[in-house]
Amino acid sequence: MDFQKMDEQKEKVLMSGLHALIAIPVGWLSLLLGQAYGKEPAIALGILILLFLGYLTQKLRKKDVKWWLANGLFIYLFAWVASWIYFANV
């Protein structure tokens, strides 16, 4: 059994889960901000938090942008938009 690959897989799952867990409350905050001030500040909030997460991930894990795109950015964007839509319809 290759422990190096197993550790890499755990790291991918951890980073994907972290991005998804942060994106859900950001979707709720985006809904509240969007109702109060419009869509532009809500989108800016989501993107700013995404960029901060990307910066933090790169500093902590020393991974390249390609790794973060696959294991962070797309997961975050999907969870953020999905939670925003969910909370808007509840």
N, C-alpha and C. Protein backbone atom coordinates (compact mmCIF):
# COMPACT_ATOMS: atom_id res chain seq x y z
N MET A 1 0.84 -1.17 0.00
CA MET A 1 0.00 0.00 0.00
C MET A 1 0.89 1.24 0.00
N ASP A 2 0.57 2.20 -0.86
CA ASP A 2 1.37 3.41 -1.00
C ASP A 2 0.82 4.50 -0.08
N PHE A 3 1.54 4.76 1.00
CA PHE A 3 1.07 5.73 1.98
C PHE A 3 1.16 7.16 1.46
N GLN A 4 2.06 7.43 0.55
CA GLN A 4 2.19 8.77 -0.03
C GLN A 4 0.90 9.15 -0.76
N LYS A 5 0.38 8.23 -1.57
CA LYS A 5 -0.86 8.50 -2.31
C LYS A 5 -2.04 8.62 -1.36
N MET A 6 -2.05 7.83 -0.29
CA MET A 6 -3.14 7.89 0.66
C MET A 6 -3.15 9.25 1.37
N ASP A 7 -1.99 9.77 1.72
CA ASP A 7 -1.91 11.08 2.35
C ASP A 7 -2.35 12.18 1.39
N GLU A 8 -2.00 12.06 0.12
CA GLU A 8 -2.43 13.04 -0.87
C GLU A 8 -3.94 13.02 -1.03
N GLN A 9 -4.53 11.83 -1.00
CA GLN A 9 -5.98 11.72 -1.13
C GLN A 9 -6.67 12.35 0.08
N LYS A 10 -6.15 12.11 1.26
CA LYS A 10 -6.73 12.71 2.47
C LYS A 10 -6.63 14.24 2.41
N GLU A 11 -5.53 14.73 1.90
CA GLU A 11 -5.36 16.18 1.78
C GLU A 11 -6.36 16.78 0.80
N LYS A 12 -6.61 16.09 -0.30
CA LYS A 12 -7.60 16.56 -1.28
C LYS A 12 -8.99 16.61 -0.66
N VAL A 13 -9.35 15.56 0.06
CA VAL A 13 -10.67 15.50 0.69
C VAL A 13 -10.80 16.59 1.75
N LEU A 14 -9.75 16.79 2.53
CA LEU A 14 -9.76 17.82 3.57
C LEU A 14 -9.93 19.21 2.98
N MET A 15 -9.19 19.53 1.95
CA MET A 15 -9.29 20.86 1.33
C MET A 15 -10.63 21.06 0.64
N SER A 16 -11.14 20.04 -0.01
CA SER A 16 -12.45 20.14 -0.66
C SER A 16 -13.54 20.34 0.39
N GLY A 17 -13.47 19.59 1.46
CA GLY A 17 -14.45 19.74 2.54
C GLY A 17 -14.38 21.09 3.21
N LEU A 18 -13.17 21.59 3.42
CA LEU A 18 -13.00 22.90 4.03
C LEU A 18 -13.61 23.99 3.16
N HIS A 19 -13.35 23.94 1.87
CA HIS A 19 -13.91 24.93 0.96
C HIS A 19 -15.43 24.85 0.92
N ALA A 20 -15.97 23.65 0.92
CA ALA A 20 -17.43 23.49 0.90
C ALA A 20 -18.06 23.98 2.20
N LEU A 21 -17.45 23.66 3.32
CA LEU A 21 -18.00 24.10 4.61
C LEU A 21 -17.96 25.61 4.78
N ILE A 22 -16.98 26.25 4.23
CA ILE A 22 -16.92 27.71 4.32
C ILE A 22 -17.88 28.34 3.31
N ALA A 23 -18.08 27.72 2.17
CA ALA A 23 -18.93 28.28 1.13
C ALA A 23 -20.40 28.31 1.54
N ILE A 24 -20.84 27.38 2.36
CA ILE A 24 -22.26 27.34 2.75
C ILE A 24 -22.67 28.58 3.55
N PRO A 25 -21.96 28.94 4.64
CA PRO A 25 -22.37 30.17 5.34
C PRO A 25 -22.11 31.43 4.50
N VAL A 26 -21.13 31.40 3.60
CA VAL A 26 -20.91 32.55 2.73
C VAL A 26 -22.09 32.71 1.77
N GLY A 27 -22.69 31.60 1.35
CA GLY A 27 -23.90 31.68 0.52
C GLY A 27 -25.04 32.35 1.27
N TRP A 28 -25.17 32.05 2.54
CA TRP A 28 -26.22 32.68 3.36
C TRP A 28 -25.93 34.18 3.54
N LEU A 29 -24.67 34.50 3.82
CA LEU A 29 -24.29 35.92 3.95
C LEU A 29 -24.47 36.66 2.64
N SER A 30 -24.20 36.00 1.53
CA SER A 30 -24.40 36.62 0.22
C SER A 30 -25.87 36.91 -0.02
N LEU A 31 -26.72 36.02 0.42
CA LEU A 31 -28.16 36.26 0.28
C LEU A 31 -28.57 37.48 1.08
N LEU A 32 -28.14 37.57 2.33
CA LEU A 32 -28.48 38.72 3.17
C LEU A 32 -27.92 40.01 2.60
N LEU A 33 -26.68 39.98 2.17
CA LEU A 33 -26.05 41.16 1.59
C LEU A 33 -26.71 41.55 0.27
N GLY A 34 -27.09 40.56 -0.51
CA GLY A 34 -27.76 40.83 -1.78
C GLY A 34 -29.13 41.44 -1.59
N GLN A 35 -29.85 41.03 -0.57
CA GLN A 35 -31.16 41.60 -0.29
C GLN A 35 -31.04 43.05 0.20
N ALA A 36 -29.98 43.35 0.93
CA ALA A 36 -29.83 44.68 1.50
C ALA A 36 -29.19 45.67 0.52
N TYR A 37 -28.16 45.22 -0.23
CA TYR A 37 -27.39 46.17 -1.04
C TYR A 37 -27.33 45.84 -2.52
N GLY A 38 -27.83 44.70 -2.93
CA GLY A 38 -27.77 44.32 -4.33
C GLY A 38 -26.81 43.15 -4.55
N LYS A 39 -26.82 42.67 -5.79
CA LYS A 39 -26.03 41.48 -6.11
C LYS A 39 -24.52 41.73 -6.14
N GLU A 40 -24.11 42.91 -6.56
CA GLU A 40 -22.69 43.18 -6.74
C GLU A 40 -21.89 43.02 -5.45
N PRO A 41 -22.31 43.62 -4.32
CA PRO A 41 -21.54 43.40 -3.08
C PRO A 41 -21.57 41.96 -2.61
N ALA A 42 -22.67 41.26 -2.86
CA ALA A 42 -22.77 39.86 -2.45
C ALA A 42 -21.79 38.99 -3.24
N ILE A 43 -21.69 39.25 -4.53
CA ILE A 43 -20.74 38.51 -5.36
C ILE A 43 -19.30 38.86 -4.97
N ALA A 44 -19.06 40.14 -4.69
CA ALA A 44 -17.72 40.56 -4.27
C ALA A 44 -17.32 39.88 -2.96
N LEU A 45 -18.26 39.75 -2.02
CA LEU A 45 -17.97 39.06 -0.76
C LEU A 45 -17.55 37.62 -1.01
N GLY A 46 -18.31 36.92 -1.83
CA GLY A 46 -17.99 35.52 -2.12
C GLY A 46 -16.64 35.36 -2.80
N ILE A 47 -16.33 36.24 -3.72
CA ILE A 47 -15.06 36.14 -4.43
C ILE A 47 -13.90 36.52 -3.52
N LEU A 48 -14.07 37.53 -2.68
CA LEU A 48 -13.01 37.91 -1.75
C LEU A 48 -12.68 36.77 -0.77
N ILE A 49 -13.70 36.12 -0.27
CA ILE A 49 -13.47 34.99 0.63
C ILE A 49 -12.81 33.84 -0.12
N LEU A 50 -13.20 33.62 -1.36
CA LEU A 50 -12.58 32.59 -2.17
C LEU A 50 -11.09 32.88 -2.38
N LEU A 51 -10.76 34.11 -2.71
CA LEU A 51 -9.35 34.47 -2.91
C LEU A 51 -8.55 34.34 -1.62
N PHE A 52 -9.15 34.71 -0.50
CA PHE A 52 -8.48 34.54 0.79
C PHE A 52 -8.22 33.06 1.08
N LEU A 53 -9.22 32.21 0.80
CA LEU A 53 -9.02 30.77 1.00
C LEU A 53 -7.92 30.23 0.09
N GLY A 54 -7.89 30.70 -1.14
CA GLY A 54 -6.84 30.27 -2.06
C GLY A 54 -5.46 30.69 -1.57
N TYR A 55 -5.35 31.91 -1.09
CA TYR A 55 -4.08 32.39 -0.55
C TYR A 55 -3.67 31.58 0.67
N LEU A 56 -4.62 31.33 1.55
CA LEU A 56 -4.34 30.57 2.76
C LEU A 56 -3.93 29.13 2.43
N THR A 57 -4.63 28.52 1.49
CA THR A 57 -4.30 27.16 1.07
C THR A 57 -2.90 27.09 0.48
N GLN A 58 -2.57 28.07 -0.34
CA GLN A 58 -1.25 28.06 -0.97
C GLN A 58 -0.15 28.28 0.06
N LYS A 59 -0.39 29.11 1.06
CA LYS A 59 0.62 29.34 2.10
C LYS A 59 0.79 28.12 3.01
N LEU A 60 -0.31 27.47 3.36
CA LEU A 60 -0.25 26.34 4.28
C LEU A 60 0.27 25.07 3.63
N ARG A 61 -0.15 24.80 2.40
CA ARG A 61 0.14 23.52 1.77
C ARG A 61 1.18 23.58 0.66
N LYS A 62 1.60 24.76 0.26
CA LYS A 62 2.61 24.92 -0.80
C LYS A 62 2.21 24.17 -2.07
N LYS A 63 0.96 24.33 -2.46
CA LYS A 63 0.45 23.69 -3.68
C LYS A 63 0.35 24.73 -4.79
N ASP A 64 0.37 24.27 -6.03
CA ASP A 64 0.26 25.19 -7.15
C ASP A 64 -1.20 25.55 -7.43
N VAL A 65 -1.38 26.47 -8.35
CA VAL A 65 -2.71 26.98 -8.66
C VAL A 65 -3.58 25.88 -9.28
N LYS A 66 -2.99 25.04 -10.10
CA LYS A 66 -3.74 23.96 -10.75
C LYS A 66 -4.36 23.03 -9.71
N TRP A 67 -3.62 22.70 -8.67
CA TRP A 67 -4.14 21.84 -7.61
C TRP A 67 -5.30 22.52 -6.89
N TRP A 68 -5.15 23.83 -6.62
CA TRP A 68 -6.20 24.56 -5.93
C TRP A 68 -7.45 24.71 -6.79
N LEU A 69 -7.29 24.87 -8.10
CA LEU A 69 -8.45 24.97 -8.99
C LEU A 69 -9.30 23.70 -8.90
N ALA A 70 -8.65 22.56 -8.90
CA ALA A 70 -9.38 21.30 -8.88
C ALA A 70 -9.94 20.95 -7.50
N ASN A 71 -9.23 21.30 -6.45
CA ASN A 71 -9.62 20.85 -5.12
C ASN A 71 -10.17 21.95 -4.23
N GLY A 72 -10.30 23.14 -4.73
CA GLY A 72 -10.80 24.23 -3.91
C GLY A 72 -11.77 25.13 -4.63
N LEU A 73 -11.32 25.72 -5.72
CA LEU A 73 -12.11 26.73 -6.41
C LEU A 73 -13.44 26.20 -6.92
N PHE A 74 -13.43 25.13 -7.66
CA PHE A 74 -14.67 24.61 -8.24
C PHE A 74 -15.62 24.10 -7.16
N ILE A 75 -15.09 23.49 -6.13
CA ILE A 75 -15.92 23.02 -5.02
C ILE A 75 -16.56 24.21 -4.31
N TYR A 76 -15.77 25.24 -4.04
CA TYR A 76 -16.27 26.43 -3.37
C TYR A 76 -17.36 27.11 -4.19
N LEU A 77 -17.09 27.33 -5.49
CA LEU A 77 -18.07 28.02 -6.33
C LEU A 77 -19.38 27.25 -6.40
N PHE A 78 -19.31 25.95 -6.55
CA PHE A 78 -20.53 25.15 -6.62
C PHE A 78 -21.30 25.22 -5.30
N ALA A 79 -20.62 25.03 -4.18
CA ALA A 79 -21.30 25.05 -2.88
C ALA A 79 -21.83 26.44 -2.56
N TRP A 80 -21.10 27.48 -2.92
CA TRP A 80 -21.52 28.85 -2.66
C TRP A 80 -22.80 29.18 -3.42
N VAL A 81 -22.81 28.92 -4.72
CA VAL A 81 -23.98 29.22 -5.53
C VAL A 81 -25.16 28.33 -5.13
N ALA A 82 -24.90 27.06 -4.88
CA ALA A 82 -25.98 26.14 -4.49
C ALA A 82 -26.60 26.56 -3.17
N SER A 83 -25.78 26.95 -2.19
CA SER A 83 -26.34 27.36 -0.91
C SER A 83 -27.06 28.70 -1.03
N TRP A 84 -26.56 29.60 -1.85
CA TRP A 84 -27.23 30.88 -2.07
C TRP A 84 -28.62 30.65 -2.66
N ILE A 85 -28.71 29.79 -3.65
CA ILE A 85 -30.00 29.47 -4.28
C ILE A 85 -30.91 28.77 -3.28
N TYR A 86 -30.35 27.84 -2.51
CA TYR A 86 -31.16 27.12 -1.52
C TYR A 86 -31.75 28.08 -0.50
N PHE A 87 -30.91 28.94 0.07
CA PHE A 87 -31.41 29.86 1.09
C PHE A 87 -32.39 30.88 0.51
N ALA A 88 -32.24 31.24 -0.75
CA ALA A 88 -33.18 32.17 -1.37
C ALA A 88 -34.55 31.54 -1.56
N ASN A 89 -34.61 30.23 -1.66
CA ASN A 89 -35.89 29.55 -1.89
C ASN A 89 -36.50 28.95 -0.65
N VAL A 90 -35.85 29.07 0.46
CA VAL A 90 -36.39 28.50 1.71
C VAL A 90 -37.34 29.46 2.34
